[in-house]
Amino acid sequence: MKLASHYIDGQWLSALSGTCVHGESIDPATSEPSALFADGGLPEAEAALAAAYRAFHSTAWSRTPRLRSDILLDFAARLEARKEEIATWIVTLNGKLRREALGEIAAGVSELRYYAGLARNVFGRVIETEPHCYSVLDREAAGVAIIVVPWNAPVTLLVRSLAPALAAGCTVVVKPAHQTALVNNLALEALVCDDRLPAGVVNSVIESGHAISHHLCASPLVDVISFTGSSATGKRIAQTAANTLARLSLELGGKAPAIVLRDCDEDRTVAGIVAGSLVMAGQQCTAIARVLVEEPYFDRFAARLAHALGAIRVGPGNDPESQMGCLIDMRSRDRIAALVDEAAKRYTMHLRGHTGQGALARGAFITPSLVEIDDLQSRFIQEELFGPLLVIERFRDEDDAIARANATRYGLAASVWTANPARARRLASRLRSGTVWANTHNRLFAEAETGGHHDSGYGRLHGQEGLNDFLATKHFYYDAQP
């Protein structure tokens, strides 16, 4: 069984001293152990931090933009060359569809190539504040960065922080999710095999608990923390980092609404909402969680959406006939099943999902559900459920649609479905969401920033602003008066 190891100061290690403690990574489609991971602790965390700190302050890494660009480009090429192997392990350890796994690797490759270009375009500016007196504003690497990676997209969510961090000239410590640690190992292998990469620039430590994460986020050696995950964990990280004032980039939970207007293209909208809600079995922070439908059109659209969701073929990610994979583990499946039971007792169910039958009963499979809810205070509207349980709601007019869409603490993503471009733009301007799509959903690009408001976090990923999170500005003043 393959083992995911720590990577510290240029070496793959199972443990720094003593006996290595192994944890098991489970295939959620079968509930069988499929890989092992080295379960680390504070010694590994401290060694990784020390290596990153030393590499930042004692090597020329932060002052070699062309080298960083070349390394990122070669990383992209090697990652792309290994996509089939890595996709197989994503499916095995995460449970998503193979096409989703290949898609996230392709997104990671695109991200690496984009930031390879930006690495050579980090410019400051010069101001002559008075005759012969100059203010020079330099853009410099911020320092040591911590990257905490979740399990739902282990390649994309690693690379979208790692690429800008390395492009900026930072050194990093990665803390991957133990469920998909082997996937992160395979991705990092495509980077750290490069002999030009100084030891200590990239490090990775694995744990099944939270001690390492807390230690990394609390360390005064850390300058930037990039975290993707739940809002509750993000708030704890912010509280911990307050003692050191480390810079934070937090992409947290979401409760993405899709506003459906009566003039929409019905076929396209139904298909788009099914795809946008069931991506990664609903385990994506930008996935559609709420469908807001204009009142006169509601009954017709709800019936069509329920039929389309009910026709989805749920199955193993490596089966080309599958249209949705499983959840990350049996605990998540049972949590969603319990929520479906609760909803059925309180609300109108347009489609009631069920756990996997037959061979699928051994895995974390559950079919989609669609529940109609009017009460904005309902937990089904206010809480991130992270699974294929979709809420459908009625609205009267645009003001009502906006009031409902903005009625949660989440503000990460939304979409508007209408044939009227001006109306889509008008509604988008009133939605308190970091990203709004029109007549599509989940279109994410390396070039375009994403991020949220309120409980969806702050900071931006992708794009130029994603690089800015890992850069600091230094003012150098030069008096050249004769």
Protein backbone atom coordinates (compact mmCIF):
# COMPACT_ATOMS: atom_id res chain seq x y z
CA MET A 1 0.00 0.00 0.00
CA LYS A 2 1.45 3.36 -1.02
CA LEU A 3 2.56 5.71 1.74
CA ALA A 4 2.24 9.50 1.74
CA SER A 5 5.25 10.99 3.53
CA HIS A 6 6.29 14.37 4.87
CA TYR A 7 8.61 16.48 2.72
CA ILE A 8 10.94 18.58 4.86
CA ASP A 9 14.06 20.51 3.86
CA GLY A 10 14.52 18.64 0.60
CA GLN A 11 13.82 15.11 1.89
CA TRP A 12 10.88 12.73 1.98
CA LEU A 13 10.48 11.51 5.57
CA SER A 14 8.11 9.15 7.36
CA ALA A 15 9.10 10.59 10.72
CA LEU A 16 11.90 12.72 12.15
CA SER A 17 12.68 10.31 14.94
CA GLY A 18 11.31 7.16 16.48
CA THR A 19 8.61 4.98 14.94
CA CYS A 20 6.46 6.36 12.16
CA VAL A 21 2.77 6.46 12.99
CA HIS A 22 0.72 5.47 9.96
CA GLY A 23 -2.86 6.49 9.25
CA GLU A 24 -5.14 4.99 6.63
CA SER A 25 -6.72 6.83 3.69
CA ILE A 26 -10.04 5.24 2.78
CA ASP A 27 -11.63 4.74 -0.64
CA PRO A 28 -15.06 6.29 0.01
CA ALA A 29 -16.65 4.25 -2.79
CA THR A 30 -15.83 0.96 -1.06
CA SER A 31 -14.95 1.98 2.54
CA GLU A 32 -11.71 -0.01 2.11
CA PRO A 33 -8.23 1.30 3.06
CA SER A 34 -6.39 2.32 -0.12
CA ALA A 35 -3.29 4.19 1.01
CA LEU A 36 -1.31 5.10 4.10
CA PHE A 37 -0.05 8.44 5.35
CA ALA A 38 2.66 9.40 7.83
CA ASP A 39 0.77 10.92 10.75
CA GLY A 40 3.04 13.69 11.99
CA GLY A 41 3.23 15.92 15.02
CA LEU A 42 4.98 18.99 16.40
CA PRO A 43 8.56 17.85 15.60
CA GLU A 44 7.69 17.67 11.90
CA ALA A 45 5.87 21.01 12.03
CA GLU A 46 8.80 22.74 13.72
CA ALA A 47 11.34 21.24 11.32
CA ALA A 48 9.29 22.28 8.28
CA LEU A 49 8.89 25.83 9.60
CA ALA A 50 12.59 26.10 10.38
CA ALA A 51 13.49 24.88 6.89
CA ALA A 52 11.14 27.35 5.20
CA TYR A 53 12.38 30.23 7.35
CA ARG A 54 16.01 29.39 6.66
CA ALA A 55 15.42 29.02 2.92
CA PHE A 56 13.70 32.38 2.71
CA HIS A 57 16.39 34.26 4.59
CA SER A 58 19.54 32.45 3.44
CA THR A 59 18.97 31.62 -0.24
CA ALA A 60 18.49 33.80 -3.32
CA TRP A 61 15.06 32.25 -4.02
CA SER A 62 13.10 35.48 -3.46
CA ARG A 63 15.42 37.39 -5.82
CA THR A 64 15.35 35.02 -8.82
CA PRO A 65 12.11 35.63 -10.73
CA ARG A 66 13.25 33.99 -13.96
CA LEU A 67 14.29 30.85 -12.11
CA ARG A 68 10.95 30.75 -10.29
CA SER A 69 9.11 31.15 -13.59
CA ASP A 70 11.07 28.33 -15.24
CA ILE A 71 10.50 26.00 -12.27
CA LEU A 72 6.77 26.66 -12.33
CA LEU A 73 6.59 26.00 -16.08
CA ASP A 74 8.45 22.71 -15.71
CA PHE A 75 6.26 21.81 -12.73
CA ALA A 76 3.21 22.33 -14.96
CA ALA A 77 4.64 20.08 -17.68
CA ARG A 78 5.47 17.25 -15.27
CA LEU A 79 2.10 17.53 -13.55
CA GLU A 80 0.34 17.31 -16.91
CA ALA A 81 2.44 14.31 -17.91
CA ARG A 82 1.31 12.44 -14.77
CA LYS A 83 -2.34 13.42 -14.99
CA GLU A 84 -3.69 9.90 -15.59
CA GLU A 85 -1.89 8.44 -12.58
CA ILE A 86 -2.80 11.32 -10.29
CA ALA A 87 -6.42 11.33 -11.48
CA THR A 88 -6.69 7.65 -10.59
CA TRP A 89 -5.65 8.43 -7.01
CA ILE A 90 -7.99 11.41 -6.77
CA VAL A 91 -10.89 9.14 -7.73
CA THR A 92 -9.72 6.45 -5.30
CA LEU A 93 -9.25 8.72 -2.28
CA ASN A 94 -11.85 11.41 -2.95
CA GLY A 95 -14.62 9.55 -4.78
CA LYS A 96 -15.28 12.16 -7.46
CA LEU A 97 -15.78 11.37 -11.14
CA ARG A 98 -12.69 10.76 -13.22
CA ARG A 99 -13.58 13.62 -15.58
CA GLU A 100 -13.76 15.91 -12.52
CA ALA A 101 -10.35 14.65 -11.39
CA LEU A 102 -8.80 15.27 -14.80
CA GLY A 103 -10.48 18.67 -14.89
CA GLU A 104 -8.94 19.76 -11.62
CA ILE A 105 -5.48 18.68 -12.75
CA ALA A 106 -5.93 20.66 -15.97
CA ALA A 107 -6.97 23.67 -13.87
CA GLY A 108 -3.83 23.26 -11.76
CA VAL A 109 -1.64 23.13 -14.88
CA SER A 110 -3.28 26.31 -16.19
CA GLU A 111 -2.72 28.03 -12.84
CA LEU A 112 0.97 27.12 -12.82
CA ARG A 113 1.51 28.48 -16.31
CA TYR A 114 -0.34 31.69 -15.50
CA TYR A 115 1.73 32.42 -12.39
CA ALA A 116 4.92 31.43 -14.18
CA GLY A 117 4.25 34.44 -16.39
CA LEU A 118 3.42 36.73 -13.48
CA ALA A 119 6.62 35.71 -11.68
CA ARG A 120 8.56 37.71 -14.28
CA ASN A 121 6.22 40.70 -14.01
CA VAL A 122 6.43 41.79 -10.39
CA PHE A 123 6.97 45.51 -10.79
CA GLY A 124 7.26 48.35 -8.30
CA ARG A 125 7.16 52.06 -9.06
CA VAL A 126 9.26 55.18 -8.62
CA ILE A 127 8.04 58.65 -7.64
CA GLU A 128 10.14 61.81 -7.67
CA THR A 129 8.55 63.45 -4.63
CA GLU A 130 10.58 66.65 -5.06
CA PRO A 131 13.56 67.55 -7.24
CA HIS A 132 16.24 64.83 -6.97
CA CYS A 133 14.37 63.00 -4.18
CA TYR A 134 12.91 59.62 -5.05
CA SER A 135 10.50 57.23 -3.39
CA VAL A 136 11.01 53.70 -4.71
CA LEU A 137 8.16 51.26 -3.99
CA ASP A 138 9.49 47.72 -4.21
CA ARG A 139 7.28 44.64 -4.37
CA GLU A 140 8.88 41.86 -2.36
CA ALA A 141 8.02 38.35 -1.27
CA ALA A 142 6.06 38.42 1.99
CA GLY A 143 8.06 35.60 3.62
CA VAL A 144 7.05 32.16 4.88
CA ALA A 145 3.60 31.01 3.76
CA ILE A 146 1.41 28.27 5.22
CA ILE A 147 -0.96 26.56 2.79
CA VAL A 148 -3.72 24.43 4.31
CA VAL A 149 -5.30 22.23 1.62
CA PRO A 150 -8.71 20.51 1.93
CA TRP A 151 -9.65 17.11 0.50
CA ASN A 152 -12.34 18.10 -2.02
CA ALA A 153 -9.98 19.33 -4.79
CA PRO A 154 -6.49 18.41 -3.57
CA VAL A 155 -4.61 19.42 -6.74
CA THR A 156 -6.47 22.59 -7.69
CA LEU A 157 -6.63 23.92 -4.15
CA LEU A 158 -2.96 23.17 -3.56
CA VAL A 159 -1.76 24.79 -6.77
CA ARG A 160 -3.92 27.91 -6.64
CA SER A 161 -2.08 28.96 -3.45
CA LEU A 162 1.29 27.30 -4.07
CA ALA A 163 1.73 28.79 -7.55
CA PRO A 164 1.34 32.46 -6.53
CA ALA A 165 3.33 31.90 -3.34
CA LEU A 166 6.30 30.53 -5.30
CA ALA A 167 5.87 33.11 -8.08
CA ALA A 168 6.10 35.85 -5.46
CA GLY A 169 9.27 34.33 -3.99
CA CYS A 170 7.84 32.99 -0.73
CA THR A 171 8.83 29.72 0.87
CA VAL A 172 6.03 27.42 1.94
CA VAL A 173 4.82 24.74 4.32
CA VAL A 174 1.90 22.75 2.95
CA LYS A 175 -0.51 20.99 5.31
CA PRO A 176 -2.62 18.65 3.16
CA ALA A 177 -5.80 16.88 4.20
CA HIS A 178 -4.93 13.38 5.41
CA GLN A 179 -7.72 11.84 3.29
CA THR A 180 -5.99 12.87 0.07
CA ALA A 181 -2.40 13.28 1.29
CA LEU A 182 -1.07 10.83 -1.30
CA VAL A 183 -2.52 12.97 -4.09
CA ASN A 184 -0.68 16.00 -2.72
CA ASN A 185 2.51 13.93 -2.51
CA LEU A 186 2.23 12.94 -6.15
CA ALA A 187 1.63 16.54 -7.20
CA LEU A 188 4.57 17.81 -5.13
CA GLU A 189 6.84 15.12 -6.58
CA ALA A 190 6.40 16.86 -9.93
CA LEU A 191 7.86 20.01 -8.34
CA VAL A 192 10.50 18.98 -5.83
CA CYS A 193 12.34 16.68 -8.26
CA ASP A 194 13.69 19.88 -9.82
CA ASP A 195 17.35 20.19 -8.75
CA ARG A 196 17.17 23.98 -9.12
CA LEU A 197 14.68 24.27 -6.24
CA PRO A 198 16.61 25.11 -3.04
CA ALA A 199 16.03 22.78 -0.10
CA GLY A 200 13.48 24.22 2.32
CA VAL A 201 11.60 26.34 -0.22
CA VAL A 202 8.78 23.75 -0.30
CA ASN A 203 7.83 21.59 2.67
CA SER A 204 4.81 19.43 3.49
CA VAL A 205 3.64 17.87 6.75
CA ILE A 206 0.67 15.54 7.23
CA GLU A 207 -1.54 14.93 10.25
CA SER A 208 -4.88 13.35 11.06
CA GLY A 209 -5.67 15.85 13.81
CA HIS A 210 -5.22 19.59 14.30
CA ALA A 211 -2.04 20.06 16.36
CA ILE A 212 0.21 20.74 13.37
CA SER A 213 -2.24 23.18 11.81
CA HIS A 214 -2.56 25.11 15.07
CA HIS A 215 1.21 25.21 15.57
CA LEU A 216 1.84 26.44 12.02
CA CYS A 217 -0.83 29.15 12.22
CA ALA A 218 0.37 30.35 15.63
CA SER A 219 4.07 30.54 14.75
CA PRO A 220 5.78 33.96 14.68
CA LEU A 221 7.90 32.63 11.79
CA VAL A 222 4.86 32.69 9.52
CA ASP A 223 4.00 35.70 7.36
CA VAL A 224 1.05 34.46 5.28
CA ILE A 225 -1.63 31.82 5.88
CA SER A 226 -3.67 30.60 2.91
CA PHE A 227 -6.57 28.39 3.98
CA THR A 228 -9.49 26.85 2.11
CA GLY A 229 -12.14 25.12 4.19
CA SER A 230 -15.05 25.62 6.53
CA SER A 231 -16.01 28.99 7.96
CA ALA A 232 -15.76 27.65 11.50
CA THR A 233 -12.17 26.53 10.99
CA GLY A 234 -11.32 29.76 9.18
CA LYS A 235 -12.52 31.77 12.17
CA ARG A 236 -10.37 29.69 14.51
CA ILE A 237 -7.35 30.29 12.27
CA ALA A 238 -8.05 34.04 12.30
CA GLN A 239 -8.22 34.02 16.09
CA THR A 240 -4.97 32.08 16.32
CA ALA A 241 -3.15 34.27 13.79
CA ALA A 242 -4.27 37.45 15.58
CA ASN A 243 -1.41 36.96 18.04
CA THR A 244 1.21 37.20 15.29
CA LEU A 245 -0.74 39.37 12.82
CA ALA A 246 0.11 37.00 9.98
CA ARG A 247 -1.60 37.95 6.75
CA LEU A 248 -4.64 35.79 5.97
CA SER A 249 -6.22 34.58 2.75
CA LEU A 250 -9.35 32.64 3.67
CA GLU A 251 -11.73 31.03 1.19
CA LEU A 252 -14.42 29.57 3.38
CA GLY A 253 -17.95 28.23 3.09
CA GLY A 254 -20.61 29.07 0.57
CA LYS A 255 -24.36 28.85 0.06
CA ALA A 256 -24.53 29.79 -3.62
CA PRO A 257 -27.96 30.91 -4.86
CA ALA A 258 -29.09 30.52 -8.47
CA ILE A 259 -31.74 33.08 -9.44
CA VAL A 260 -34.01 31.68 -12.16
CA LEU A 261 -36.15 34.17 -14.09
CA ARG A 262 -39.14 33.20 -16.20
CA ASP A 263 -37.45 34.34 -19.43
CA CYS A 264 -34.53 31.92 -19.06
CA ASP A 265 -33.67 29.21 -21.57
CA GLU A 266 -35.35 26.39 -19.68
CA ASP A 267 -33.34 23.47 -21.06
CA ARG A 268 -30.04 25.24 -20.56
CA THR A 269 -31.00 26.39 -17.07
CA VAL A 270 -32.11 22.98 -15.83
CA ALA A 271 -28.95 21.35 -17.18
CA GLY A 272 -26.77 24.14 -15.79
CA ILE A 273 -28.26 23.96 -12.31
CA VAL A 274 -27.94 20.17 -12.19
CA ALA A 275 -24.27 20.44 -13.16
CA GLY A 276 -23.64 23.43 -10.89
CA SER A 277 -25.20 21.80 -7.84
CA LEU A 278 -23.83 18.28 -8.18
CA VAL A 279 -20.20 19.12 -8.97
CA MET A 280 -18.12 16.90 -6.67
CA ALA A 281 -21.44 15.57 -5.30
CA GLY A 282 -22.18 19.06 -3.96
CA GLN A 283 -18.93 19.13 -1.96
CA GLN A 284 -17.64 22.39 -3.41
CA CYS A 285 -17.97 25.76 -1.72
CA THR A 286 -19.15 27.44 -4.93
CA ALA A 287 -21.69 24.71 -5.81
CA ILE A 288 -25.31 25.80 -6.21
CA ALA A 289 -27.08 25.20 -2.89
CA ARG A 290 -30.24 27.27 -3.35
CA VAL A 291 -32.46 27.70 -6.43
CA LEU A 292 -34.64 30.84 -6.36
CA VAL A 293 -37.40 30.67 -8.98
CA GLU A 294 -39.75 33.45 -10.11
CA GLU A 295 -43.24 32.77 -8.70
CA PRO A 296 -45.39 32.22 -11.83
CA TYR A 297 -42.78 29.84 -13.22
CA PHE A 298 -42.04 27.94 -10.02
CA ASP A 299 -44.18 24.81 -10.29
CA ARG A 300 -43.17 24.04 -13.86
CA PHE A 301 -39.47 24.59 -13.19
CA ALA A 302 -39.46 22.66 -9.89
CA ALA A 303 -40.99 19.63 -11.62
CA ARG A 304 -38.42 19.72 -14.42
CA LEU A 305 -35.51 20.18 -12.03
CA ALA A 306 -36.67 17.35 -9.79
CA HIS A 307 -36.98 15.05 -12.79
CA ALA A 308 -33.49 15.94 -14.01
CA LEU A 309 -31.93 15.46 -10.59
CA GLY A 310 -33.74 12.15 -10.15
CA ALA A 311 -32.35 10.89 -13.45
CA ILE A 312 -28.73 11.37 -12.36
CA ARG A 313 -26.80 8.12 -12.30
CA VAL A 314 -24.82 7.92 -9.06
CA GLY A 315 -21.89 5.54 -9.06
CA PRO A 316 -18.14 5.00 -8.73
CA GLY A 317 -15.97 7.76 -10.10
CA ASN A 318 -14.07 5.40 -12.39
CA ASP A 319 -17.28 4.21 -14.10
CA PRO A 320 -17.73 6.30 -17.28
CA GLU A 321 -21.51 5.91 -16.95
CA SER A 322 -21.55 7.63 -13.54
CA GLN A 323 -22.85 11.20 -13.47
CA MET A 324 -22.14 11.86 -9.78
CA GLY A 325 -19.70 10.20 -7.43
CA CYS A 326 -19.86 9.60 -3.70
CA LEU A 327 -19.25 11.78 -0.68
CA ILE A 328 -15.89 11.81 1.06
CA ASP A 329 -16.83 9.28 3.75
CA MET A 330 -19.68 7.34 5.33
CA ARG A 331 -20.01 9.91 8.09
CA SER A 332 -20.79 12.60 5.52
CA ARG A 333 -23.24 10.31 3.74
CA ASP A 334 -25.07 9.58 6.97
CA ARG A 335 -25.11 13.28 7.87
CA ILE A 336 -26.78 14.17 4.57
CA ALA A 337 -29.20 11.25 4.90
CA ALA A 338 -30.23 12.50 8.34
CA LEU A 339 -30.79 16.00 6.92
CA VAL A 340 -32.98 14.54 4.17
CA ASP A 341 -35.06 12.73 6.78
CA GLU A 342 -35.39 15.93 8.80
CA ALA A 343 -36.41 17.94 5.73
CA ALA A 344 -39.02 15.36 4.75
CA LYS A 345 -40.75 15.79 8.10
CA ARG A 346 -40.92 19.59 7.90
CA TYR A 347 -41.03 20.68 4.27
CA THR A 348 -42.25 19.75 0.79
CA MET A 349 -39.90 17.30 -0.87
CA HIS A 350 -39.84 17.51 -4.65
CA LEU A 351 -37.24 14.73 -4.72
CA ARG A 352 -36.11 12.58 -1.81
CA GLY A 353 -32.66 11.06 -2.09
CA HIS A 354 -31.57 7.72 -0.69
CA THR A 355 -28.29 6.05 0.19
CA GLY A 356 -26.66 3.63 -2.21
CA GLN A 357 -28.23 0.25 -2.83
CA GLY A 358 -26.63 -3.09 -3.65
CA ALA A 359 -22.89 -2.79 -4.29
CA LEU A 360 -23.08 0.95 -3.66
CA ALA A 361 -24.26 0.37 -0.08
CA ARG A 362 -20.64 -0.17 0.97
CA GLY A 363 -19.68 3.34 -0.12
CA ALA A 364 -20.62 6.92 0.72
CA PHE A 365 -23.22 7.17 -2.04
CA ILE A 366 -26.45 9.15 -1.78
CA THR A 367 -28.72 10.37 -4.57
CA PRO A 368 -29.77 14.03 -4.95
CA SER A 369 -32.64 15.63 -3.03
CA LEU A 370 -34.71 18.75 -3.73
CA VAL A 371 -36.65 20.40 -0.90
CA GLU A 372 -38.92 23.45 -1.07
CA ILE A 373 -38.46 25.94 1.79
CA ASP A 374 -39.88 29.41 2.37
CA ASP A 375 -38.54 30.18 5.86
CA LEU A 376 -35.28 32.11 5.49
CA GLN A 377 -34.28 31.20 9.04
CA SER A 378 -34.32 27.49 8.26
CA ARG A 379 -30.99 25.76 8.84
CA PHE A 380 -31.32 24.34 5.31
CA ILE A 381 -31.00 27.90 3.98
CA GLN A 382 -28.61 29.32 6.56
CA GLU A 383 -26.08 26.47 6.90
CA GLU A 384 -23.63 25.05 4.40
CA LEU A 385 -24.73 21.43 3.91
CA PHE A 386 -21.92 20.28 1.57
CA GLY A 387 -23.73 17.52 -0.27
CA PRO A 388 -26.37 16.82 -2.95
CA LEU A 389 -29.24 18.35 -0.97
CA LEU A 390 -30.65 21.30 -2.92
CA VAL A 391 -33.12 23.91 -1.63
CA ILE A 392 -35.68 25.50 -3.98
CA GLU A 393 -37.46 28.76 -3.11
CA ARG A 394 -40.04 31.11 -4.64
CA PHE A 395 -39.58 34.85 -5.21
CA ARG A 396 -42.05 37.51 -6.34
CA ASP A 397 -39.90 40.13 -8.06
CA GLU A 398 -36.29 41.29 -8.34
CA ASP A 399 -36.25 42.97 -4.95
CA ASP A 400 -37.55 39.81 -3.31
CA ALA A 401 -35.00 37.68 -5.18
CA ILE A 402 -32.11 39.87 -4.02
CA ALA A 403 -33.39 40.01 -0.44
CA ARG A 404 -33.62 36.22 -0.32
CA ALA A 405 -30.29 35.59 -2.06
CA ASN A 406 -28.46 37.94 0.32
CA ALA A 407 -30.19 36.61 3.45
CA THR A 408 -27.30 34.43 4.65
CA ARG A 409 -23.86 35.15 6.09
CA TYR A 410 -22.29 33.53 3.03
CA GLY A 411 -21.25 35.52 -0.02
CA LEU A 412 -18.94 33.45 -2.18
CA ALA A 413 -20.76 32.78 -5.46
CA ALA A 414 -24.11 33.09 -7.21
CA SER A 415 -25.63 32.82 -10.66
CA VAL A 416 -28.45 34.51 -12.59
CA TRP A 417 -30.39 32.72 -15.31
CA THR A 418 -32.14 35.02 -17.80
CA ALA A 419 -32.24 35.84 -21.51
CA ASN A 420 -31.90 39.55 -20.70
CA PRO A 421 -28.21 40.59 -20.35
CA ALA A 422 -29.10 43.95 -18.81
CA ARG A 423 -31.25 42.27 -16.18
CA ALA A 424 -28.46 39.79 -15.38
CA ARG A 425 -25.99 42.63 -14.89
CA ARG A 426 -28.44 44.60 -12.76
CA LEU A 427 -29.09 41.67 -10.45
CA ALA A 428 -25.40 40.79 -10.27
CA SER A 429 -24.57 44.30 -9.06
CA ARG A 430 -26.94 43.84 -6.12
CA LEU A 431 -25.82 40.35 -5.11
CA ARG A 432 -23.37 40.28 -2.20
CA SER A 433 -21.22 37.59 -3.77
CA GLY A 434 -17.59 37.57 -4.79
CA THR A 435 -18.44 35.89 -8.09
CA VAL A 436 -21.67 36.04 -10.11
CA TRP A 437 -22.18 34.04 -13.30
CA ALA A 438 -24.91 34.56 -15.88
CA ASN A 439 -26.49 31.48 -17.53
CA THR A 440 -23.71 29.24 -16.24
CA HIS A 441 -22.09 28.31 -12.92
CA ASN A 442 -18.68 27.29 -11.56
CA ARG A 443 -16.67 28.82 -14.39
CA LEU A 444 -13.32 29.46 -12.67
CA PHE A 445 -10.13 30.66 -14.35
CA ALA A 446 -6.53 31.29 -13.34
CA GLU A 447 -6.84 34.84 -14.69
CA ALA A 448 -9.98 35.82 -12.76
CA GLU A 449 -10.00 36.44 -9.02
CA THR A 450 -12.43 34.64 -6.72
CA GLY A 451 -13.25 35.20 -3.07
CA GLY A 452 -16.08 36.04 -0.75
CA HIS A 453 -17.74 38.27 1.79
CA HIS A 454 -18.67 37.73 5.45
CA ASP A 455 -18.50 34.04 6.43
CA SER A 456 -17.13 33.14 3.00
CA GLY A 457 -13.81 34.70 3.98
CA TYR A 458 -11.55 37.41 2.61
CA GLY A 459 -8.60 37.81 0.34
CA ARG A 460 -8.66 36.69 -3.28
CA LEU A 461 -7.40 33.64 -5.11
CA HIS A 462 -6.42 33.43 -8.79
CA GLY A 463 -5.46 36.42 -10.89
CA GLN A 464 -3.16 39.31 -10.02
CA GLU A 465 -4.77 39.75 -6.61
CA GLY A 466 -3.95 36.14 -5.79
CA LEU A 467 -0.28 37.02 -6.26
CA ASN A 468 -0.65 40.21 -4.21
CA ASP A 469 -1.57 38.18 -1.14
CA PHE A 470 2.01 36.85 -1.11
CA LEU A 471 3.74 40.18 -1.80
CA ALA A 472 4.67 43.07 0.47
CA THR A 473 5.52 46.67 -0.48
CA LYS A 474 8.75 48.32 0.73
CA HIS A 475 9.29 52.07 0.50
CA PHE A 476 12.92 53.06 -0.20
CA TYR A 477 13.62 56.82 -0.14
CA TYR A 478 16.69 58.23 -1.88
CA ASP A 479 17.81 61.83 -1.51
CA ALA A 480 19.97 62.59 -4.54
CA GLN A 481 20.11 66.33 -4.12
CA PRO A 482 23.50 67.82 -5.08
